[in-house]
Each structure stands twice: as structure tokens, then as C-alpha cells.
Protein backbone atom coordinates (compact mmCIF):
# COMPACT_ATOMS: atom_id res chain seq x y z
CA MET A 1 36.55 -10.06 29.74
CA THR A 2 33.05 -11.46 29.19
CA ALA A 3 32.61 -13.06 25.79
CA PRO A 4 30.34 -11.01 23.52
CA LYS A 5 26.80 -12.26 22.94
CA TYR A 6 25.36 -12.49 19.47
CA PRO A 7 21.65 -12.61 18.57
CA THR A 8 20.25 -15.93 17.38
CA GLY A 9 17.16 -17.36 15.71
CA ALA A 10 14.20 -15.12 14.93
CA THR A 11 15.71 -12.19 16.85
CA LYS A 12 18.78 -12.22 14.61
CA ALA A 13 16.70 -12.58 11.43
CA ILE A 14 14.42 -9.66 12.35
CA LEU A 15 17.37 -7.50 13.42
CA VAL A 16 19.29 -8.07 10.18
CA ALA A 17 16.14 -7.68 8.03
CA THR A 18 15.31 -4.38 9.75
CA ALA A 19 18.83 -3.00 9.31
CA ILE A 20 19.20 -4.01 5.65
CA SER A 21 15.70 -2.75 4.81
CA CYS A 22 16.58 0.66 6.20
CA ALA A 23 19.91 0.72 4.34
CA ILE A 24 18.21 -0.20 1.04
CA LEU A 25 15.49 2.40 1.67
CA GLU A 26 18.14 5.08 2.19
CA LEU A 27 20.14 4.05 -0.88
CA ILE A 28 17.06 3.83 -3.12
CA ASP A 29 16.22 7.42 -2.21
CA THR A 30 19.62 8.58 -3.50
CA THR A 31 18.56 7.68 -7.07
CA VAL A 32 14.77 7.19 -7.08
CA VAL A 33 14.11 10.89 -7.75
CA ASN A 34 16.51 11.17 -10.70
CA VAL A 35 14.14 9.96 -13.43
CA SER A 36 11.22 12.00 -12.03
CA LEU A 37 12.81 15.45 -11.98
CA ARG A 38 11.02 16.58 -15.14
CA GLU A 39 7.59 15.72 -13.69
CA ILE A 40 8.43 17.26 -10.31
CA SER A 41 9.69 20.49 -11.87
CA GLY A 42 6.53 20.82 -13.98
CA SER A 43 4.31 20.13 -10.97
CA ILE A 44 5.87 22.67 -8.62
CA GLY A 45 6.93 25.26 -11.21
CA ALA A 46 10.71 24.93 -10.94
CA THR A 47 13.32 25.33 -13.66
CA THR A 48 15.56 22.42 -14.66
CA THR A 49 18.47 24.12 -12.88
CA GLU A 50 16.54 24.71 -9.66
CA ILE A 51 15.11 21.18 -9.49
CA ALA A 52 18.63 19.74 -9.23
CA TRP A 53 18.59 20.99 -5.62
CA VAL A 54 16.17 18.15 -4.80
CA ILE A 55 19.07 15.75 -5.35
CA THR A 56 21.84 18.03 -4.09
CA ALA A 57 20.18 18.75 -0.72
CA TYR A 58 19.79 15.04 0.02
CA SER A 59 23.40 14.26 -0.96
CA ILE A 60 24.87 17.09 1.12
CA ALA A 61 22.93 16.04 4.23
CA ASN A 62 23.94 12.40 3.68
CA VAL A 63 27.63 13.04 3.42
CA ILE A 64 27.64 15.35 6.48
CA VAL A 65 25.92 12.89 8.81
CA ILE A 66 27.53 9.61 7.71
CA PRO A 67 30.98 10.14 9.32
CA LEU A 68 29.32 11.42 12.52
CA SER A 69 27.05 8.39 12.89
CA GLY A 70 29.50 6.51 15.08
CA MET A 71 29.75 9.38 17.57
CA PHE A 72 25.97 9.91 17.63
CA SER A 73 25.41 6.18 18.20
CA ASN A 74 27.68 6.29 21.24
CA PHE A 75 26.20 9.52 22.59
CA PHE A 76 22.48 8.72 22.21
CA GLY A 77 22.76 4.94 22.30
CA ARG A 78 22.58 2.91 19.10
CA LYS A 79 18.94 1.90 19.61
CA ASN A 80 17.81 5.51 20.18
CA TYR A 81 19.88 6.93 17.33
CA PHE A 82 18.87 4.33 14.76
CA THR A 83 15.18 4.49 15.68
CA SER A 84 15.25 8.30 15.61
CA SER A 85 16.95 8.25 12.20
CA VAL A 86 14.21 5.97 10.85
CA ALA A 87 11.53 8.27 12.30
CA ILE A 88 13.15 11.43 10.87
CA PHE A 89 13.57 9.80 7.46
CA THR A 90 9.94 8.60 7.43
CA PHE A 91 8.41 11.92 8.55
CA ALA A 92 10.56 13.86 6.08
CA SER A 93 9.39 11.48 3.31
CA LEU A 94 5.78 12.33 4.17
CA MET A 95 6.54 16.06 4.06
CA CYS A 96 8.42 15.70 0.74
CA GLY A 97 5.36 14.06 -0.80
CA LEU A 98 3.13 16.85 0.48
CA SER A 99 5.41 19.67 -0.71
CA ALA A 100 3.91 22.04 -3.28
CA ASN A 101 6.82 24.47 -3.41
CA LEU A 102 10.41 23.89 -4.59
CA TRP A 103 12.22 25.22 -1.53
CA VAL A 104 9.87 23.45 0.88
CA LEU A 105 10.68 20.21 -0.97
CA VAL A 106 14.40 20.97 -0.89
CA PHE A 107 14.23 21.63 2.87
CA TRP A 108 12.51 18.32 3.60
CA ARG A 109 14.87 16.48 1.26
CA PHE A 110 17.73 17.85 3.36
CA ILE A 111 16.04 16.62 6.56
CA GLN A 112 15.38 13.28 4.87
CA GLY A 113 19.08 13.10 4.01
CA LEU A 114 20.05 13.74 7.65
CA GLY A 115 17.90 10.80 8.74
CA GLY A 116 19.05 8.63 5.85
CA GLY A 117 22.72 9.28 6.49
CA GLY A 118 22.25 8.03 10.05
CA LEU A 119 20.63 4.84 8.74
CA LEU A 120 23.36 3.73 6.35
CA SER A 121 26.44 3.44 8.55
CA THR A 122 24.51 2.41 11.66
CA ALA A 123 22.74 -0.34 9.69
CA GLN A 124 26.09 -1.70 8.54
CA SER A 125 27.53 -1.78 12.05
CA ILE A 126 24.33 -3.45 13.37
CA ILE A 127 24.57 -6.17 10.72
CA MET A 128 28.27 -6.81 11.23
CA ASP A 129 27.94 -6.89 15.02
CA ALA A 130 25.18 -9.50 14.68
CA PHE A 131 27.74 -12.06 13.48
CA PRO A 132 30.81 -13.48 15.27
CA PRO A 133 34.17 -12.62 13.65
CA GLU A 134 34.50 -15.93 11.81
CA LYS A 135 31.09 -15.38 10.15
CA ARG A 136 31.39 -11.67 9.47
CA THR A 137 31.62 -12.37 5.72
CA THR A 138 27.93 -13.26 5.85
CA GLY A 139 27.10 -9.87 7.35
CA LEU A 140 29.22 -8.12 4.72
CA MET A 141 27.42 -10.03 1.98
CA ILE A 142 24.02 -8.94 3.28
CA PHE A 143 25.07 -5.30 3.49
CA GLY A 144 26.81 -5.48 0.11
CA LEU A 145 23.54 -6.65 -1.40
CA GLY A 146 21.88 -3.45 -0.19
CA VAL A 147 24.75 -1.27 -1.47
CA ILE A 148 24.38 -2.73 -4.97
CA LEU A 149 20.60 -3.16 -5.18
CA GLY A 150 19.51 0.17 -3.69
CA PRO A 151 20.99 2.59 -6.25
CA SER A 152 20.23 0.19 -9.12
CA PHE A 153 16.54 -0.29 -8.32
CA GLY A 154 15.98 3.41 -7.61
CA PRO A 155 15.65 4.61 -11.22
CA ALA A 156 13.40 1.67 -12.21
CA LEU A 157 11.14 2.21 -9.21
CA GLY A 158 11.04 5.97 -9.74
CA GLY A 159 10.24 5.61 -13.43
CA TYR A 160 7.44 3.11 -12.82
CA ILE A 161 5.81 5.11 -10.01
CA THR A 162 6.01 8.38 -11.94
CA ASP A 163 4.65 6.89 -15.17
CA ASN A 164 1.78 5.00 -13.50
CA PHE A 165 0.88 7.11 -10.43
CA SER A 166 2.50 10.45 -9.55
CA TRP A 167 5.87 11.61 -8.26
CA HIS A 168 4.41 12.11 -4.75
CA TRP A 169 4.25 8.32 -4.29
CA ILE A 170 8.02 8.08 -4.59
CA PHE A 171 8.07 9.53 -1.07
CA PHE A 172 4.79 8.16 0.28
CA LEU A 173 6.00 4.60 -0.38
CA ASN A 174 8.61 5.05 2.38
CA ILE A 175 6.00 5.72 5.07
CA PRO A 176 4.57 2.22 5.84
CA ILE A 177 8.05 0.67 5.55
CA GLY A 178 9.51 3.36 7.82
CA ILE A 179 6.82 2.94 10.48
CA ALA A 180 7.37 -0.83 10.59
CA ALA A 181 11.14 -0.37 10.65
CA ALA A 182 10.96 2.15 13.53
CA PHE A 183 8.90 -0.27 15.63
CA LEU A 184 11.22 -3.22 14.91
CA SER A 185 14.29 -1.05 15.52
CA TRP A 186 13.04 0.00 18.96
CA ARG A 187 12.18 -3.61 19.76
CA PHE A 188 15.26 -5.47 18.49
CA VAL A 189 18.28 -3.18 17.90
CA PRO A 190 20.75 -3.52 20.81
CA ASN A 191 22.97 -0.80 22.21
CA LEU A 192 26.73 -1.22 22.03
CA GLU A 193 28.09 -2.97 25.11
CA ASN A 194 30.45 -0.96 27.35
CA ALA A 195 30.11 2.11 25.10
CA GLU A 196 31.17 5.27 26.89
CA LYS A 197 29.13 8.40 26.35
CA PRO A 198 31.50 10.70 24.44
CA THR A 199 32.10 14.38 24.94
CA ILE A 200 30.64 16.20 21.96
CA ASP A 201 33.26 17.87 19.78
CA TRP A 202 31.09 20.77 18.65
CA LEU A 203 33.90 22.67 16.94
CA GLY A 204 34.94 19.57 15.00
CA ILE A 205 31.35 19.01 13.91
CA PHE A 206 31.13 22.65 12.78
CA PHE A 207 34.33 22.33 10.70
CA LEU A 208 33.08 19.07 9.18
CA VAL A 209 29.61 20.38 8.32
CA ILE A 210 30.97 23.50 6.57
CA GLY A 211 33.88 21.68 4.91
CA ILE A 212 32.04 18.57 3.68
CA GLY A 213 28.89 20.54 2.83
CA SER A 214 30.90 22.98 0.70
CA LEU A 215 32.85 20.18 -0.99
CA GLN A 216 29.70 18.21 -1.79
CA TYR A 217 28.05 21.33 -3.22
CA VAL A 218 31.07 21.98 -5.45
CA LEU A 219 30.97 18.39 -6.74
CA GLU A 220 27.21 18.37 -7.27
CA GLU A 221 26.78 21.83 -8.80
CA GLY A 222 30.19 22.55 -10.36
CA SER A 223 29.34 21.13 -13.78
CA SER A 224 26.16 23.18 -14.21
CA LYS A 225 27.96 26.36 -13.14
CA ASP A 226 31.03 25.85 -15.35
CA TRP A 227 33.26 25.05 -12.38
CA PHE A 228 35.85 27.67 -11.49
CA GLU A 229 34.47 30.13 -14.01
CA SER A 230 31.84 30.63 -11.29
CA THR A 231 32.76 32.86 -8.35
CA GLU A 232 30.37 30.87 -6.14
CA ILE A 233 32.07 27.55 -6.90
CA THR A 234 35.53 29.05 -6.46
CA TRP A 235 34.76 30.47 -3.02
CA LEU A 236 33.05 27.28 -1.87
CA ALA A 237 36.04 25.22 -3.01
CA ILE A 238 38.35 27.49 -0.97
CA THR A 239 35.94 27.22 1.98
CA ALA A 240 35.96 23.42 1.71
CA LEU A 241 39.77 23.33 1.70
CA ILE A 242 40.12 25.65 4.70
CA PHE A 243 37.49 23.98 6.86
CA MET A 244 38.50 20.40 6.01
CA THR A 245 42.12 21.25 6.88
CA ALA A 246 40.93 22.77 10.18
CA PHE A 247 38.82 19.66 10.79
CA VAL A 248 41.76 17.28 10.31
CA ILE A 249 44.02 19.35 12.59
CA ARG A 250 41.28 19.57 15.23
CA GLU A 251 40.47 15.84 15.22
CA LEU A 252 44.11 14.81 15.51
CA SER A 253 44.84 17.22 18.39
CA ILE A 254 42.05 16.45 20.90
CA ASP A 255 41.17 13.42 23.02
CA TYR A 256 37.46 13.31 22.12
CA PRO A 257 37.28 13.72 18.31
CA ALA A 258 33.90 13.66 16.57
CA VAL A 259 35.52 11.43 13.94
CA ASN A 260 38.48 9.34 15.05
CA LEU A 261 40.97 9.98 12.25
CA ARG A 262 43.64 8.12 14.22
CA LEU A 263 42.02 4.95 12.91
CA TYR A 264 43.93 5.65 9.72
CA LYS A 265 47.00 4.26 11.42
CA ASN A 266 45.37 1.03 10.25
CA PHE A 267 46.91 0.81 6.76
CA ASN A 268 44.17 -1.42 5.37
CA LEU A 269 41.47 1.01 6.51
CA ALA A 270 43.25 3.91 4.79
CA LEU A 271 43.78 1.91 1.59
CA GLY A 272 40.26 0.48 1.79
CA ASN A 273 38.76 3.97 1.99
CA GLY A 274 40.85 4.98 -1.00
CA MET A 275 39.40 2.04 -2.89
CA ASN A 276 35.90 2.96 -1.65
CA LEU A 277 36.45 6.40 -3.16
CA MET A 278 37.57 4.80 -6.43
CA THR A 279 34.63 2.37 -6.41
CA GLY A 280 32.20 5.24 -5.91
CA ILE A 281 33.78 7.19 -8.77
CA ILE A 282 33.71 4.28 -11.25
CA PHE A 283 30.33 2.77 -10.41
CA ASN A 284 28.36 5.96 -9.97
CA GLY A 285 30.10 7.74 -12.83
CA THR A 286 29.18 4.96 -15.26
CA LEU A 287 25.75 4.48 -13.65
CA TYR A 288 25.14 8.20 -14.25
CA ALA A 289 26.42 8.10 -17.84
CA PHE A 290 24.71 4.95 -19.10
CA PRO A 291 21.07 6.15 -18.75
CA LEU A 292 21.97 9.45 -20.44
CA PHE A 293 23.81 7.57 -23.16
CA VAL A 294 20.95 5.22 -24.07
CA GLN A 295 18.24 7.91 -23.76
CA LEU A 296 20.05 10.64 -25.72
CA SER A 297 21.87 8.50 -28.28
CA LEU A 298 19.64 5.44 -28.65
CA GLY A 299 16.20 6.86 -27.78
CA TRP A 300 15.34 4.70 -24.75
CA THR A 301 12.60 5.83 -22.34
CA ALA A 302 13.22 6.39 -18.61
CA THR A 303 11.15 3.32 -17.64
CA GLN A 304 12.89 1.18 -20.25
CA THR A 305 16.27 2.31 -18.96
CA GLY A 306 15.41 1.61 -15.33
CA ALA A 307 13.96 -1.82 -16.12
CA PHE A 308 17.09 -2.78 -18.05
CA MET A 309 19.26 -2.15 -14.97
CA ILE A 310 17.41 -4.71 -12.82
CA PRO A 311 18.82 -8.04 -14.16
CA GLY A 312 22.37 -6.79 -13.75
CA SER A 313 21.58 -6.01 -10.11
CA LEU A 314 19.87 -9.32 -9.36
CA VAL A 315 23.07 -11.23 -10.09
CA ALA A 316 24.28 -9.80 -6.77
CA ILE A 317 22.73 -12.83 -5.07
CA PRO A 318 24.65 -15.56 -6.97
CA ALA A 319 27.74 -13.33 -6.87
CA MET A 320 27.56 -13.17 -3.06
CA ILE A 321 27.18 -16.94 -2.82
CA THR A 322 30.21 -17.35 -5.09
CA ILE A 323 32.30 -14.99 -2.95
CA LYS A 324 31.31 -16.83 0.23
CA VAL A 325 32.30 -20.18 -1.28
CA LEU A 326 35.62 -18.83 -2.54
CA THR A 327 36.57 -17.14 0.75
CA ASP A 328 35.13 -19.48 3.37
CA ASN A 329 35.30 -22.87 1.65
CA LYS A 330 38.13 -22.49 -0.84
CA GLY A 331 40.24 -20.09 1.21
CA TRP A 332 40.96 -17.70 -1.66
CA ASN A 333 42.97 -14.56 -0.95
CA PRO A 334 40.55 -11.57 -0.92
CA LYS A 335 43.07 -9.55 -2.93
CA PHE A 336 42.76 -12.05 -5.76
CA ILE A 337 38.95 -11.77 -5.67
CA ILE A 338 39.15 -7.96 -5.78
CA MET A 339 41.41 -8.07 -8.84
CA ILE A 340 39.06 -10.49 -10.59
CA GLY A 341 36.22 -8.10 -9.79
CA MET A 342 38.10 -5.16 -11.28
CA ILE A 343 38.75 -7.09 -14.50
CA MET A 344 35.11 -8.25 -14.62
CA THR A 345 34.02 -4.62 -14.25
CA ALA A 346 36.44 -3.27 -16.87
CA ILE A 347 35.64 -5.81 -19.61
CA PRO A 348 31.92 -4.85 -19.92
CA LEU A 349 32.90 -1.18 -20.19
CA PHE A 350 35.22 -2.07 -23.07
CA PHE A 351 32.34 -3.84 -24.84
CA ILE A 352 29.94 -0.92 -24.26
CA SER A 353 32.52 1.54 -25.58
CA PHE A 354 32.08 0.05 -29.08
CA SER A 355 28.36 0.85 -29.24
CA SER A 356 26.76 2.00 -32.49
CA PRO A 357 23.46 3.70 -33.40
CA ASP A 358 22.05 0.19 -34.02
CA SER A 359 22.94 -1.08 -30.52
CA ASN A 360 20.02 -2.34 -28.41
CA SER A 361 19.42 -3.91 -25.01
CA SER A 362 20.60 -7.34 -26.21
CA ASN A 363 24.07 -5.85 -26.85
CA PHE A 364 24.32 -4.63 -23.25
CA PHE A 365 22.64 -7.49 -21.38
CA TRP A 366 25.63 -9.79 -20.81
CA PRO A 367 28.09 -6.95 -20.18
CA PHE A 368 25.78 -5.74 -17.39
CA ILE A 369 25.47 -9.26 -15.97
CA MET A 370 29.26 -9.47 -15.80
CA ARG A 371 29.40 -5.95 -14.32
CA GLY A 372 27.02 -7.07 -11.57
CA PHE A 373 29.37 -9.89 -10.60
CA GLY A 374 32.40 -7.64 -10.80
CA ALA A 375 30.78 -5.02 -8.55
CA LEU A 376 30.29 -7.50 -5.70
CA PHE A 377 33.73 -9.03 -6.18
CA MET A 378 35.22 -5.55 -5.74
CA VAL A 379 33.04 -4.15 -2.93
CA LEU A 380 32.68 -7.00 -0.43
CA PRO A 381 36.33 -8.02 0.10
CA VAL A 382 37.33 -4.34 0.44
CA LEU A 383 34.74 -3.90 3.20
CA GLY A 384 36.05 -6.94 5.02
CA LEU A 385 39.75 -6.10 4.75
CA ALA A 386 39.26 -2.44 5.71
CA THR A 387 37.38 -3.27 8.93
CA ALA A 388 39.27 -6.43 9.95
CA GLY A 389 39.97 -6.49 13.68
CA LEU A 390 37.76 -3.48 14.51
CA THR A 391 34.83 -3.79 16.90
CA GLY A 392 32.38 -1.64 18.88
CA LYS A 393 32.78 2.11 18.55
CA ASN A 394 35.92 1.80 16.40
CA LEU A 395 34.01 -0.40 13.95
CA ALA A 396 31.16 2.13 13.84
CA GLN A 397 33.60 5.00 13.20
CA ALA A 398 35.46 3.04 10.50
CA ILE A 399 32.21 2.15 8.75
CA GLY A 400 31.14 5.81 8.84
CA LEU A 401 34.41 6.87 7.23
CA SER A 402 34.16 4.14 4.58
CA ASN A 403 30.62 5.13 3.64
CA MET A 404 31.54 8.82 3.56
CA PHE A 405 34.32 8.11 1.06
CA ARG A 406 31.96 6.00 -1.04
CA GLN A 407 29.41 8.85 -1.10
CA LEU A 408 32.09 11.41 -1.97
CA GLY A 409 33.30 9.05 -4.68
CA ALA A 410 29.77 8.89 -6.05
CA ALA A 411 29.55 12.69 -6.29
CA LEU A 412 33.07 12.91 -7.71
CA GLY A 413 32.27 10.20 -10.28
CA VAL A 414 29.23 12.07 -11.55
CA ALA A 415 31.20 15.33 -11.67
CA LEU A 416 34.19 13.81 -13.48
CA MET A 417 31.98 11.97 -15.98
CA GLY A 418 30.06 15.17 -16.68
CA ILE A 419 33.28 17.15 -17.21
CA TYR A 420 34.75 14.48 -19.47
CA VAL A 421 31.66 14.12 -21.66
CA ASN A 422 31.08 17.88 -21.96
CA HIS A 423 34.67 18.61 -22.93
CA ASN A 424 34.84 15.61 -25.24
CA ASN A 425 31.61 16.66 -26.94
CA ALA A 426 33.21 19.88 -28.16
CA PHE A 427 36.31 18.04 -29.39
CA VAL A 428 34.35 15.31 -31.19
CA ARG A 429 31.94 17.80 -32.76
CA SER A 430 34.76 19.96 -34.12
CA ASN A 431 36.22 16.88 -35.81
CA MET A 432 32.87 15.74 -37.20
CA VAL A 433 31.44 19.02 -38.41
CA GLY A 434 34.26 19.42 -40.94
CA ASN A 435 32.83 16.47 -42.85
CA ILE A 436 29.62 18.41 -43.57
CA SER A 437 30.58 20.58 -46.50
CA ASP A 438 29.97 21.13 -50.20
CA TYR A 439 33.04 19.02 -50.90
CA ASN A 440 31.68 15.88 -49.22
CA PRO A 441 29.24 14.07 -51.55
CA LEU A 442 27.75 12.07 -48.67
CA SER A 443 26.64 15.15 -46.75
CA THR A 444 25.50 17.07 -49.84
CA ASP A 445 23.48 14.06 -51.07
CA ALA A 446 21.82 13.69 -47.65
CA ILE A 447 20.91 17.40 -47.44
CA SER A 448 19.67 17.39 -51.02
CA SER A 449 17.52 14.30 -50.41
CA TYR A 450 15.99 15.81 -47.24
CA THR A 451 15.35 19.13 -49.03
CA GLN A 452 13.60 17.51 -51.98
CA SER A 453 11.51 15.35 -49.65
CA PHE A 454 10.24 18.37 -47.69
CA GLN A 455 9.67 20.40 -50.87
CA SER A 456 7.48 17.61 -52.22
CA GLY A 457 5.57 17.79 -48.93
CA GLY A 458 4.63 21.41 -49.60
CA PHE A 459 7.44 23.38 -47.93
CA SER A 460 9.12 26.28 -49.71
CA PRO A 461 12.75 25.78 -50.87
CA ASP A 462 14.09 27.92 -48.00
CA GLU A 463 11.96 26.14 -45.37
CA ALA A 464 12.86 22.73 -46.77
CA GLY A 465 16.56 23.64 -46.75
CA ASN A 466 16.43 24.85 -43.13
CA ILE A 467 14.64 21.69 -41.95
CA ALA A 468 17.14 19.54 -43.84
CA TYR A 469 20.07 21.24 -42.09
CA GLN A 470 18.30 20.84 -38.72
CA LEU A 471 17.92 17.10 -39.35
CA VAL A 472 21.58 16.79 -40.25
CA ASP A 473 22.55 18.77 -37.15
CA SER A 474 20.36 16.52 -35.01
CA ALA A 475 22.00 13.42 -36.49
CA LEU A 476 25.42 14.98 -35.89
CA THR A 477 24.55 15.68 -32.24
CA LYS A 478 23.47 12.08 -31.70
CA GLN A 479 26.66 10.81 -33.31
CA GLN A 480 28.87 13.11 -31.24
CA LEU A 481 27.14 12.01 -28.02
CA LEU A 482 27.54 8.37 -29.01
CA VAL A 483 31.26 8.81 -29.61
CA SER A 484 31.75 10.88 -26.44
CA TYR A 485 30.01 8.35 -24.21
CA ASN A 486 31.83 5.47 -25.88
CA GLN A 487 35.13 7.14 -25.12
CA SER A 488 34.06 7.84 -21.52
CA PHE A 489 33.32 4.13 -20.96
CA MET A 490 36.67 3.19 -22.47
CA THR A 491 38.43 5.69 -20.19
CA ALA A 492 36.64 4.31 -17.12
CA ALA A 493 37.68 0.76 -18.06
CA ILE A 494 41.32 1.78 -18.40
CA ALA A 495 41.14 3.66 -15.06
CA ILE A 496 39.92 0.49 -13.31
CA LEU A 497 42.73 -1.62 -14.75
CA LEU A 498 45.33 0.98 -13.76
CA CYS A 499 44.15 0.68 -10.14
CA ILE A 500 44.82 -3.07 -9.94
CA PRO A 501 48.40 -2.61 -8.60
CA LEU A 502 46.92 -0.79 -5.57
CA VAL A 503 45.27 -4.03 -4.50
CA LEU A 504 48.68 -5.66 -4.12
CA LEU A 505 49.48 -3.12 -1.36
CA ILE A 506 46.73 -4.50 0.91
CA ARG A 507 48.20 -6.33 3.88
CA TYR A 508 46.62 -9.73 4.26
CA LYS A 509 47.57 -12.92 6.00
CA LYS A 510 45.34 -15.96 5.90
CA GLY A 511 43.14 -16.06 9.00
CA GLN A 512 43.81 -12.44 9.97
CA HIS A 513 40.10 -11.58 10.26
CA SER A 514 39.21 -13.98 12.99
CA ALA A 515 42.47 -13.72 14.85
CA LYS A 516 42.48 -9.96 15.13
CA SER A 517 38.82 -9.81 15.87
CA ASP A 518 39.14 -12.30 18.68
CA MET A 519 41.97 -10.25 20.16
CA ALA A 520 39.88 -7.12 19.92
CA HIS A 521 37.04 -8.78 21.79
């Protein structure tokens, strides 16, 4: 068999830069809108419940397309599919920025998500195929940088643009980058060698779209609709279960599956996807909770919150260099690196879980620096071990599955964190409110002091008393949120540590990456 050819020099640099730029662009758009929802809802006349669809539509489209990217790459050709995905994403960004109506915006966000989902997995396979097996770690590092930086920079970028320009520019900013990326993609992205044009599994795609779409909706919207108290959520959960079961049966029983689930015979891929799910839950759950925690409990602004997240993301670069040295030069076992990463991720959450009303950014700075290192130490080795020995269309399919599980983990993490905090709020408040009574001198002295202060300001005794109780209630709410979020961070830290034994199940022998990959070629 002819030895595979790998790009070199400027061609390789442009190819990798184009792919990672598109991946970062897609990942930024998963979070860039979050801090701007209030401004968008006011501009287009949507309620706070309705505006959540701007995020939900994008997420649903993403998670539907990602596992199908491998099949579409083979059917249309990787160059055509990737370039078309860039074009769809860019045009949809333009239309999102021009939208003056909620449901028009939601529609174009869904189309943008379809294009973006095609970018993510295809970009990863392009980057990994640009390196020979023995240097694939470098490709994983580059992609891992995008995975970490994209979601972290999104809120900061969204907050800055919204505060200084208008929310429309969140989408318009994608246009010049997208146009350049489409041109470079058409010029430099190669098609997969010897890729056979697959037969389209339309029924499998239908099952996947309905099943994954329903599941993602349940995860995104369940919290706001009180989960299974809602008939809509209940029926969609049943729909997701039925159609996903049908999808699995279908894909395992035909010779031309839309998603090759037989790849899960590879134990490391199955375990790696399980860890991708866990990583998505932990990272996105805590990334969702921390901004709410500091804004609601500590009074931070959206821009201040987004800016704080940047230093912890920038450590991805020295973290990647460290991982490369440890794996390539020192020959460390990737399982050991993953476990170090899990510990480095858990420790900062323990520190944050002891926050007080006086906590400020200096208390969180070093924990977030350590978290940034831990994130890379967890993500990169898992990517490498899960895809070891896979090439061509199998690599593309495996990457699609891995990214789908990470996206589902992200939605599940947000849902679980929301459930935990909401339920814990009620429990914490019931314990706290008992301390506000006529028998507690601290609470009576505080209410009396507030009342006298407002009476001296000209309020009647009844008005002063009502305002005093409102102030105490506000202070109680802040305290209950502080305690609830602290406990959620502690729970997340414990969950990470409990998952460490799973890492020991990964099958690894020194040199397995290059050996298996060479055999596959």
C-alpha cells in the first residue's frame, strides 16, 4: 500500500490554522451569546424564557450534525463538506445579526449550528490527519487549545462587544473570518484518500435527528419547565428514548450505517467517550455555575466575569507544552497525566467551595490557573488514547462520536448543576430562615437598626419596617446562593475524584499509538 502523504511547510501551517480557526469560531459561538441575552431580548421584544431558544436552537443543531460529520465528509468529499459548512455558518451569522424578530433569529441560529457542527469534528480530523502517527500529539494539542479557549473566551468577547457596540456585532464579527476561512478551506483542505462514497442511511439519520434533538431539548429546557412536571418534557424524554433505541438497533443491523457504532468494539474509544461525557459535565457545569455565582452572590458585572476567565484559559499554552514534554520526551504514561489533571481540576473547586461574601478575584485567580492546567491534562490524553490506531473514515467517525458525547456532557452538566443549585437553594433557605425570629438578637437588632435608619430618613414606621425586612430577605437570598454554589463546587470536586479509578481501566502499552497507527496505514 502506498505510504500516506502529509502536508509540509506553508501548506501545512495554513491548513492547520484554517481548521483550528474554524473550530474556535464554532466553539466561541456556543457561549458568546450567553452574556448578551438580556440586551437581545430587550432589542427584539422577547421574554427571558423565549430568548433561551437562541442558545437551545444552536445546541440542538450542533449535537445532531456532529456525529454525522464523518459520513457527510465521505459522501460529499471532505473539502466540499468543510467549505460548505464554513459558508453556511458565515451566511447564517450574517442573517442572525440582521434578525429583528425572535423566531427569525432562532431559525438562523439553528442553521448556524448545523454549519458549526460540521466544522468541529471535521476540523479535528483535518488537523490530526496533517500529522504522521508519531507526531499526532502535536495535532491533539492544537485542537485541544481550541476546545479550551473557545468556550472560555466566548463570554468575555460577548460581554465586551455588547457593552461597547451592540449585540449584532457578535454575529457580524464571524463574517470576515468565515469568508477568509472558506477560501483557504477550498484551496488547502484535502479530501480523504481512497474514501468510498457511502450509501446514505436516511432512516438512521431520521432516528438520530429526532432522538438526539429531543434529548438535547430535554437537557436544555428541562430546568426551566420543572422537568417531568411538564407534559412536554415527559413526552420528549420518551421520544428520545424510543428513537435513540431505534437508532442503535438500526446502525448495528445494516452494512452502511450513518454512524458506525461498531467502532465501540474498541474499548478505549468507548471508555474515552464516557470520559468525554464526564469532562463535558464537569467543565461546562462549573463554567455555567461560576459566572452566576460571582454575579448573583458577589456582585460582579458580565464584562468583569468574562475578563476574569481569560488568564485561566491562556495557561492552555504552557500546559500543552508541558504535556508534550512529559509524553514525547519523558515517556510518561497518559493515564498518569489524566489522573494528575483530574486532581488539579478538583483542588481548585475545593478552594472555591469555601468562598465568603468578602471573596474577590484574587481569591479565585490561582485556583483558575490550576484549573486551566488540569483541563488540558485531562482532555488531551483522552483524545489521543480514544482515537489511537484509527485513520481515515474511522478516525472521522470516532472524532464525531467523541465530540457528540462532549456536547451532550456540556448540556447535561448545565442541567445537573441547575437542578442541584435549585433544589439546594430550598434546603439551605429553610435552614437559614429559622434564624430570623424574635428570639434571635442578631436578626432583631439588624431589623431594628434598618427600621430606625429609614424612619430617620422620612419613611413612616410601616414603610421603614417593610424595607428593613426586604433588605434582610435580600441578604438572606445572597447568603443562600453563596452556600448553594459553594456546595455545588464541592460536589463537583468529589465527583471528579470518584472518577479517577475509571482511568485505570484504559488499556495502554508504551508505543501503542505509533504501532497501531502504522498498521492501520
